[in-house]
Amino acid sequence: MELLIVMAIIAVLTALTVPAVSKVKQRAYSTHCRGNLSQLGLAVRMYVDDNEGRLPVLTNALQAKNSLVAVLGELVKTPEVFKCRADLGSRGAPVALSYKWNSAFNGRFLPRLEMESNESQDAAGYWLIRDSAPRHGYENAVFSDGHVARRN
């Protein structure tokens, strides 16, 4: 009888801790993705500095010469930055690219974009790179001013 009571207590405690562990895991994945986005944002800044203030013209196709990985990969030097640990493909393997470029800003002059963002009521609309399919609860993005935050 005592053994059954102990087993029941352990089962209840396990049931209570599993959701908490899941939330902590999602937060860790989100934090990791925010770090990746921060590094990608810095790479965009380096690209802009090297190209007279112009943002790159990128596509979200992985194999293209002007893909996010091809252009910014030369500046980042770490392929893991393009992958969020929470993103797994259909067979459980990590995906090749976890982030999406906002092609609406292709080739735009970054200082002008930042000025527009400051004048706008909706500065959160000026994201440059975001999670392509967030699997950690919410979507993170790096914005034109370089900060990384949740995107609504």
C-alpha atoms as a PDB file:
ATOM      1  CA  MET A   1       0.000   0.000   0.000  1.00  0.00           C
ATOM      2  CA  GLU A   2       2.802   2.419   0.898  1.00  0.00           C
ATOM      3  CA  LEU A   3       4.504   1.665  -2.399  1.00  0.00           C
ATOM      4  CA  LEU A   4       1.330   2.582  -4.330  1.00  0.00           C
ATOM      5  CA  ILE A   5       1.060   5.874  -2.460  1.00  0.00           C
ATOM      6  CA  VAL A   6       4.692   6.721  -3.240  1.00  0.00           C
ATOM      7  CA  MET A   7       4.145   5.846  -6.913  1.00  0.00           C
ATOM      8  CA  ALA A   8       1.022   8.027  -7.030  1.00  0.00           C
ATOM      9  CA  ILE A   9       2.911  10.968  -5.511  1.00  0.00           C
ATOM     10  CA  ILE A  10       5.724  10.554  -8.028  1.00  0.00           C
ATOM     11  CA  ALA A  11       3.192  10.429 -10.883  1.00  0.00           C
ATOM     12  CA  VAL A  12       1.514  13.642  -9.696  1.00  0.00           C
ATOM     13  CA  LEU A  13       4.847  15.440  -9.314  1.00  0.00           C
ATOM     14  CA  THR A  14       5.906  14.308 -12.786  1.00  0.00           C
ATOM     15  CA  ALA A  15       2.642  15.536 -14.276  1.00  0.00           C
ATOM     16  CA  LEU A  16       3.186  18.913 -12.644  1.00  0.00           C
ATOM     17  CA  THR A  17       6.809  19.353 -13.766  1.00  0.00           C
ATOM     18  CA  VAL A  18       6.530  18.268 -17.426  1.00  0.00           C
ATOM     19  CA  PRO A  19       4.692  21.435 -18.596  1.00  0.00           C
ATOM     20  CA  ALA A  20       7.125  23.631 -16.664  1.00  0.00           C
ATOM     21  CA  VAL A  21      10.109  21.903 -18.274  1.00  0.00           C
ATOM     22  CA  SER A  22       8.489  22.326 -21.690  1.00  0.00           C
ATOM     23  CA  LYS A  23       8.089  26.078 -21.145  1.00  0.00           C
ATOM     24  CA  VAL A  24      11.698  26.399 -20.009  1.00  0.00           C
ATOM     25  CA  LYS A  25      12.834  24.515 -23.104  1.00  0.00           C
ATOM     26  CA  GLN A  26      10.789  26.822 -25.371  1.00  0.00           C
ATOM     27  CA  ARG A  27      12.304  29.865 -23.659  1.00  0.00           C
ATOM     28  CA  ALA A  28      15.808  28.471 -24.141  1.00  0.00           C
ATOM     29  CA  TYR A  29      15.150  27.890 -27.852  1.00  0.00           C
ATOM     30  CA  SER A  30      13.736  31.396 -28.193  1.00  0.00           C
ATOM     31  CA  THR A  31      16.768  32.902 -26.450  1.00  0.00           C
ATOM     32  CA  HIS A  32      19.063  30.942 -28.740  1.00  0.00           C
ATOM     33  CA  CYS A  33      17.160  32.194 -31.795  1.00  0.00           C
ATOM     34  CA  ARG A  34      17.334  35.770 -30.528  1.00  0.00           C
ATOM     35  CA  GLY A  35      21.098  35.418 -30.241  1.00  0.00           C
ATOM     36  CA  ASN A  36      21.272  34.120 -33.803  1.00  0.00           C
ATOM     37  CA  LEU A  37      19.125  37.003 -35.040  1.00  0.00           C
ATOM     38  CA  SER A  38      21.347  39.466 -33.215  1.00  0.00           C
ATOM     39  CA  GLN A  39      24.394  38.082 -35.011  1.00  0.00           C
ATOM     40  CA  LEU A  40      22.572  38.201 -38.350  1.00  0.00           C
ATOM     41  CA  GLY A  41      21.583  41.800 -37.616  1.00  0.00           C
ATOM     42  CA  LEU A  42      25.236  42.663 -37.020  1.00  0.00           C
ATOM     43  CA  ALA A  43      26.136  40.960 -40.306  1.00  0.00           C
ATOM     44  CA  VAL A  44      23.527  43.110 -42.084  1.00  0.00           C
ATOM     45  CA  ARG A  45      25.084  46.199 -40.479  1.00  0.00           C
ATOM     46  CA  MET A  46      28.548  45.151 -41.691  1.00  0.00           C
ATOM     47  CA  TYR A  47      27.134  44.575 -45.180  1.00  0.00           C
ATOM     48  CA  VAL A  48      25.489  48.026 -45.134  1.00  0.00           C
ATOM     49  CA  ASP A  49      28.749  49.654 -43.995  1.00  0.00           C
ATOM     50  CA  ASP A  50      30.596  47.998 -46.887  1.00  0.00           C
ATOM     51  CA  ASN A  51      27.929  48.959 -49.454  1.00  0.00           C
ATOM     52  CA  GLU A  52      27.392  52.697 -48.959  1.00  0.00           C
ATOM     53  CA  GLY A  53      24.378  52.317 -46.669  1.00  0.00           C
ATOM     54  CA  ARG A  54      22.392  49.951 -48.901  1.00  0.00           C
ATOM     55  CA  LEU A  55      20.702  46.811 -47.631  1.00  0.00           C
ATOM     56  CA  PRO A  56      21.427  43.607 -49.549  1.00  0.00           C
ATOM     57  CA  VAL A  57      19.131  42.303 -52.261  1.00  0.00           C
ATOM     58  CA  LEU A  58      18.335  38.833 -50.941  1.00  0.00           C
ATOM     59  CA  THR A  59      16.027  35.976 -51.721  1.00  0.00           C
ATOM     60  CA  ASN A  60      14.728  33.376 -49.294  1.00  0.00           C
ATOM     61  CA  ALA A  61      15.564  30.537 -51.692  1.00  0.00           C
ATOM     62  CA  LEU A  62      18.320  28.516 -50.061  1.00  0.00           C
ATOM     63  CA  GLN A  63      20.276  27.593 -53.208  1.00  0.00           C
ATOM     64  CA  ALA A  64      20.331  31.059 -54.827  1.00  0.00           C
ATOM     65  CA  LYS A  65      23.551  33.078 -55.121  1.00  0.00           C
ATOM     66  CA  ASN A  66      21.855  35.968 -53.368  1.00  0.00           C
ATOM     67  CA  SER A  67      20.343  33.911 -50.548  1.00  0.00           C
ATOM     68  CA  LEU A  68      20.536  34.958 -46.922  1.00  0.00           C
ATOM     69  CA  VAL A  69      23.088  32.202 -46.265  1.00  0.00           C
ATOM     70  CA  ALA A  70      25.254  32.977 -49.312  1.00  0.00           C
ATOM     71  CA  VAL A  71      25.505  36.734 -48.751  1.00  0.00           C
ATOM     72  CA  LEU A  72      25.596  36.998 -44.964  1.00  0.00           C
ATOM     73  CA  GLY A  73      27.434  33.685 -44.528  1.00  0.00           C
ATOM     74  CA  GLU A  74      30.620  35.372 -45.683  1.00  0.00           C
ATOM     75  CA  LEU A  75      30.287  37.861 -42.832  1.00  0.00           C
ATOM     76  CA  VAL A  76      29.059  35.486 -40.110  1.00  0.00           C
ATOM     77  CA  LYS A  77      31.411  32.542 -40.778  1.00  0.00           C
ATOM     78  CA  THR A  78      29.328  30.218 -38.568  1.00  0.00           C
ATOM     79  CA  PRO A  79      26.659  28.179 -40.381  1.00  0.00           C
ATOM     80  CA  GLU A  80      24.887  27.328 -37.098  1.00  0.00           C
ATOM     81  CA  VAL A  81      23.723  30.962 -36.867  1.00  0.00           C
ATOM     82  CA  PHE A  82      21.211  30.260 -39.649  1.00  0.00           C
ATOM     83  CA  LYS A  83      19.519  27.458 -37.690  1.00  0.00           C
ATOM     84  CA  CYS A  84      17.325  27.585 -34.606  1.00  0.00           C
ATOM     85  CA  ARG A  85      17.647  24.516 -32.382  1.00  0.00           C
ATOM     86  CA  ALA A  86      13.856  24.244 -32.187  1.00  0.00           C
ATOM     87  CA  ASP A  87      13.471  23.902 -35.966  1.00  0.00           C
ATOM     88  CA  LEU A  88      13.414  20.283 -37.017  1.00  0.00           C
ATOM     89  CA  GLY A  89      12.434  18.966 -40.400  1.00  0.00           C
ATOM     90  CA  SER A  90       9.936  16.208 -41.098  1.00  0.00           C
ATOM     91  CA  ARG A  91      12.409  13.480 -40.138  1.00  0.00           C
ATOM     92  CA  GLY A  92      13.753  15.169 -37.039  1.00  0.00           C
ATOM     93  CA  ALA A  93      16.850  16.575 -38.741  1.00  0.00           C
ATOM     94  CA  PRO A  94      17.651  20.277 -38.320  1.00  0.00           C
ATOM     95  CA  VAL A  95      16.413  22.502 -41.126  1.00  0.00           C
ATOM     96  CA  ALA A  96      18.941  24.312 -43.302  1.00  0.00           C
ATOM     97  CA  LEU A  97      17.545  27.809 -42.722  1.00  0.00           C
ATOM     98  CA  SER A  98      15.384  28.994 -39.828  1.00  0.00           C
ATOM     99  CA  TYR A  99      15.099  32.660 -40.749  1.00  0.00           C
ATOM    100  CA  LYS A 100      13.403  34.722 -43.440  1.00  0.00           C
ATOM    101  CA  TRP A 101      14.559  37.981 -45.040  1.00  0.00           C
ATOM    102  CA  ASN A 102      12.036  40.791 -45.560  1.00  0.00           C
ATOM    103  CA  SER A 103      12.408  41.280 -49.313  1.00  0.00           C
ATOM    104  CA  ALA A 104      10.342  44.497 -49.152  1.00  0.00           C
ATOM    105  CA  PHE A 105      13.555  46.259 -48.116  1.00  0.00           C
ATOM    106  CA  ASN A 106      15.848  44.813 -50.806  1.00  0.00           C
ATOM    107  CA  GLY A 107      18.434  47.395 -51.805  1.00  0.00           C
ATOM    108  CA  ARG A 108      16.901  50.140 -49.669  1.00  0.00           C
ATOM    109  CA  PHE A 109      19.059  52.818 -48.113  1.00  0.00           C
ATOM    110  CA  LEU A 110      19.206  51.854 -44.409  1.00  0.00           C
ATOM    111  CA  PRO A 111      19.526  55.351 -42.892  1.00  0.00           C
ATOM    112  CA  ARG A 112      16.392  56.403 -44.826  1.00  0.00           C
ATOM    113  CA  LEU A 113      14.573  53.287 -43.651  1.00  0.00           C
ATOM    114  CA  GLU A 114      15.520  54.026 -40.032  1.00  0.00           C
ATOM    115  CA  MET A 115      14.246  57.585 -40.407  1.00  0.00           C
ATOM    116  CA  GLU A 116      10.933  56.273 -41.786  1.00  0.00           C
ATOM    117  CA  SER A 117      10.752  53.801 -38.920  1.00  0.00           C
ATOM    118  CA  ASN A 118      11.230  56.573 -36.347  1.00  0.00           C
ATOM    119  CA  GLU A 119       8.522  58.711 -37.979  1.00  0.00           C
ATOM    120  CA  SER A 120       6.071  55.815 -38.254  1.00  0.00           C
ATOM    121  CA  GLN A 121       3.489  54.966 -35.613  1.00  0.00           C
ATOM    122  CA  ASP A 122       4.198  51.276 -36.221  1.00  0.00           C
ATOM    123  CA  ALA A 123       7.984  50.974 -35.943  1.00  0.00           C
ATOM    124  CA  ALA A 124       7.571  47.242 -35.250  1.00  0.00           C
ATOM    125  CA  GLY A 125       6.661  46.796 -38.913  1.00  0.00           C
ATOM    126  CA  TYR A 126      10.257  47.385 -40.007  1.00  0.00           C
ATOM    127  CA  TRP A 127      11.683  43.929 -39.415  1.00  0.00           C
ATOM    128  CA  LEU A 128      14.565  42.757 -41.591  1.00  0.00           C
ATOM    129  CA  ILE A 129      14.971  39.100 -40.598  1.00  0.00           C
ATOM    130  CA  ARG A 130      12.511  36.937 -38.637  1.00  0.00           C
ATOM    131  CA  ASP A 131      11.885  33.340 -37.642  1.00  0.00           C
ATOM    132  CA  SER A 132      10.532  31.571 -40.715  1.00  0.00           C
ATOM    133  CA  ALA A 133       8.446  29.043 -38.763  1.00  0.00           C
ATOM    134  CA  PRO A 134       8.818  29.602 -35.026  1.00  0.00           C
ATOM    135  CA  ARG A 135       8.530  26.414 -33.033  1.00  0.00           C
ATOM    136  CA  HIS A 136       9.348  27.985 -29.707  1.00  0.00           C
ATOM    137  CA  GLY A 137       6.092  29.753 -28.969  1.00  0.00           C
ATOM    138  CA  TYR A 138       6.416  33.100 -30.727  1.00  0.00           C
ATOM    139  CA  GLU A 139       8.235  34.839 -33.548  1.00  0.00           C
ATOM    140  CA  ASN A 140      11.431  36.821 -33.009  1.00  0.00           C
ATOM    141  CA  ALA A 141      12.804  39.375 -35.463  1.00  0.00           C
ATOM    142  CA  VAL A 142      15.735  41.726 -35.937  1.00  0.00           C
ATOM    143  CA  PHE A 143      14.555  45.226 -36.815  1.00  0.00           C
ATOM    144  CA  SER A 144      16.054  47.958 -38.976  1.00  0.00           C
ATOM    145  CA  ASP A 145      17.565  49.709 -35.959  1.00  0.00           C
ATOM    146  CA  GLY A 146      19.371  46.491 -34.956  1.00  0.00           C
ATOM    147  CA  HIS A 147      17.325  45.457 -31.920  1.00  0.00           C
ATOM    148  CA  VAL A 148      15.900  41.956 -31.606  1.00  0.00           C
ATOM    149  CA  ALA A 149      12.447  41.427 -30.128  1.00  0.00           C
ATOM    150  CA  ARG A 150       9.191  39.524 -30.454  1.00  0.00           C
ATOM    151  CA  ARG A 151       7.301  40.329 -33.605  1.00  0.00           C
ATOM    152  CA  ASN A 152       3.537  40.626 -33.228  1.00  0.00           C
END
